[in-house]
Amino acid sequence: MTISITFKLYASLTDYLPPDAQRSNQMPMQVAPDATIADIVAPFNMPPKLVHLVLINGVFIPPEQRATKTLVDGDVLAIWPPIAGG
């Protein structure tokens, strides 16, 4: 059994998505119901320092919860890299 989520990457992280998903910066995914944020992110091989701002349905998930936090059907997992401002 799997659940359906939407995986979104922003800014320079879109390069880690499959080519057909890079333009929209998102892709639907089927994941195991017990998959954590860390499990979902791992196959994309993003440097950990670039996985900066992590949101589920717009709610910030602190780094210490990402190895244990699971998602439910219909969730949107969005990740931003660190953004430099001026």
C-alpha atoms as a PDB file:
ATOM      1  CA  MET A   1       0.000   0.000   0.000  1.00  0.00           C
ATOM      2  CA  THR A   2       1.171   3.517  -0.774  1.00  0.00           C
ATOM      3  CA  ILE A   3      -0.032   7.052  -0.264  1.00  0.00           C
ATOM      4  CA  SER A   4      -0.005   9.896  -2.803  1.00  0.00           C
ATOM      5  CA  ILE A   5       1.918  13.071  -2.030  1.00  0.00           C
ATOM      6  CA  THR A   6       3.182  16.044  -4.004  1.00  0.00           C
ATOM      7  CA  PHE A   7       6.925  16.684  -3.794  1.00  0.00           C
ATOM      8  CA  LYS A   8       8.061  20.255  -4.528  1.00  0.00           C
ATOM      9  CA  LEU A   9      11.584  21.632  -4.780  1.00  0.00           C
ATOM     10  CA  TYR A  10      12.359  25.332  -5.130  1.00  0.00           C
ATOM     11  CA  ALA A  11      15.159  27.528  -6.460  1.00  0.00           C
ATOM     12  CA  SER A  12      18.382  25.620  -7.224  1.00  0.00           C
ATOM     13  CA  LEU A  13      16.902  22.382  -5.845  1.00  0.00           C
ATOM     14  CA  THR A  14      14.696  21.942  -8.918  1.00  0.00           C
ATOM     15  CA  ASP A  15      17.810  20.553 -10.638  1.00  0.00           C
ATOM     16  CA  TYR A  16      17.392  17.423  -8.493  1.00  0.00           C
ATOM     17  CA  LEU A  17      13.952  16.658  -9.932  1.00  0.00           C
ATOM     18  CA  PRO A  18      13.534  14.481 -13.025  1.00  0.00           C
ATOM     19  CA  PRO A  19      13.773  16.625 -16.194  1.00  0.00           C
ATOM     20  CA  ASP A  20      10.038  16.420 -16.911  1.00  0.00           C
ATOM     21  CA  ALA A  21       9.220  17.808 -13.441  1.00  0.00           C
ATOM     22  CA  GLN A  22      11.761  20.649 -13.339  1.00  0.00           C
ATOM     23  CA  ARG A  23       9.619  23.233 -15.149  1.00  0.00           C
ATOM     24  CA  SER A  24       6.721  22.899 -12.697  1.00  0.00           C
ATOM     25  CA  ASN A  25       9.113  22.313  -9.740  1.00  0.00           C
ATOM     26  CA  GLN A  26       6.865  19.521  -8.481  1.00  0.00           C
ATOM     27  CA  MET A  27       5.993  15.905  -9.017  1.00  0.00           C
ATOM     28  CA  PRO A  28       3.427  13.471  -7.697  1.00  0.00           C
ATOM     29  CA  MET A  29       4.879  10.574  -5.746  1.00  0.00           C
ATOM     30  CA  GLN A  30       3.687   7.304  -4.296  1.00  0.00           C
ATOM     31  CA  VAL A  31       5.367   6.585  -0.971  1.00  0.00           C
ATOM     32  CA  ALA A  32       4.989   4.038   1.799  1.00  0.00           C
ATOM     33  CA  PRO A  33       2.673   5.172   4.601  1.00  0.00           C
ATOM     34  CA  ASP A  34       5.564   4.888   7.060  1.00  0.00           C
ATOM     35  CA  ALA A  35       8.039   6.842   4.872  1.00  0.00           C
ATOM     36  CA  THR A  36       9.632   9.739   6.723  1.00  0.00           C
ATOM     37  CA  ILE A  37      10.702  13.042   5.208  1.00  0.00           C
ATOM     38  CA  ALA A  38      14.287  11.777   5.271  1.00  0.00           C
ATOM     39  CA  ASP A  39      13.235   8.587   3.426  1.00  0.00           C
ATOM     40  CA  ILE A  40      11.471  10.581   0.718  1.00  0.00           C
ATOM     41  CA  VAL A  41      14.343  13.041   0.236  1.00  0.00           C
ATOM     42  CA  ALA A  42      17.192  10.470   0.255  1.00  0.00           C
ATOM     43  CA  PRO A  43      16.822   9.114  -3.315  1.00  0.00           C
ATOM     44  CA  PHE A  44      17.191  12.630  -4.730  1.00  0.00           C
ATOM     45  CA  ASN A  45      20.772  12.842  -3.387  1.00  0.00           C
ATOM     46  CA  MET A  46      20.532  16.482  -2.354  1.00  0.00           C
ATOM     47  CA  PRO A  47      23.359  17.731  -0.141  1.00  0.00           C
ATOM     48  CA  PRO A  48      21.933  17.937   3.396  1.00  0.00           C
ATOM     49  CA  LYS A  49      23.057  21.554   3.757  1.00  0.00           C
ATOM     50  CA  LEU A  50      20.755  22.445   0.849  1.00  0.00           C
ATOM     51  CA  VAL A  51      17.691  20.856   2.475  1.00  0.00           C
ATOM     52  CA  HIS A  52      17.084  23.962   4.536  1.00  0.00           C
ATOM     53  CA  LEU A  53      13.410  24.906   4.789  1.00  0.00           C
ATOM     54  CA  VAL A  54      11.075  21.901   4.870  1.00  0.00           C
ATOM     55  CA  LEU A  55       7.307  22.324   4.922  1.00  0.00           C
ATOM     56  CA  ILE A  56       4.401  19.893   4.953  1.00  0.00           C
ATOM     57  CA  ASN A  57       1.238  21.637   3.776  1.00  0.00           C
ATOM     58  CA  GLY A  58       2.872  24.960   4.605  1.00  0.00           C
ATOM     59  CA  VAL A  59       3.887  23.969   8.145  1.00  0.00           C
ATOM     60  CA  PHE A  60       7.604  24.166   9.011  1.00  0.00           C
ATOM     61  CA  ILE A  61       9.201  20.876  10.062  1.00  0.00           C
ATOM     62  CA  PRO A  62      12.318  21.405  12.219  1.00  0.00           C
ATOM     63  CA  PRO A  63      15.464  19.449  11.266  1.00  0.00           C
ATOM     64  CA  GLU A  64      15.264  17.227  14.351  1.00  0.00           C
ATOM     65  CA  GLN A  65      11.820  15.925  13.256  1.00  0.00           C
ATOM     66  CA  ARG A  66      12.648  15.103   9.627  1.00  0.00           C
ATOM     67  CA  ALA A  67      13.948  11.589  10.353  1.00  0.00           C
ATOM     68  CA  THR A  68      10.722  10.607  12.134  1.00  0.00           C
ATOM     69  CA  LYS A  69       7.912  12.734  10.651  1.00  0.00           C
ATOM     70  CA  THR A  70       5.665  10.804   8.243  1.00  0.00           C
ATOM     71  CA  LEU A  71       3.125  12.121   5.769  1.00  0.00           C
ATOM     72  CA  VAL A  72      -0.489  11.256   4.999  1.00  0.00           C
ATOM     73  CA  ASP A  73      -2.284  10.840   1.689  1.00  0.00           C
ATOM     74  CA  GLY A  74      -2.599  14.159  -0.121  1.00  0.00           C
ATOM     75  CA  ASP A  75       0.203  15.965   1.734  1.00  0.00           C
ATOM     76  CA  VAL A  76       2.483  18.429  -0.038  1.00  0.00           C
ATOM     77  CA  LEU A  77       6.165  18.222   0.913  1.00  0.00           C
ATOM     78  CA  ALA A  78       8.043  21.381  -0.120  1.00  0.00           C
ATOM     79  CA  ILE A  79      11.761  22.080   0.305  1.00  0.00           C
ATOM     80  CA  TRP A  80      13.773  25.271  -0.175  1.00  0.00           C
ATOM     81  CA  PRO A  81      17.545  25.711  -0.089  1.00  0.00           C
ATOM     82  CA  PRO A  82      19.117  28.438   2.061  1.00  0.00           C
ATOM     83  CA  ILE A  83      18.363  31.780   0.392  1.00  0.00           C
ATOM     84  CA  ALA A  84      20.845  34.624   0.634  1.00  0.00           C
ATOM     85  CA  GLY A  85      19.353  38.086   0.887  1.00  0.00           C
ATOM     86  CA  GLY A  86      20.715  41.541   0.595  1.00  0.00           C
END
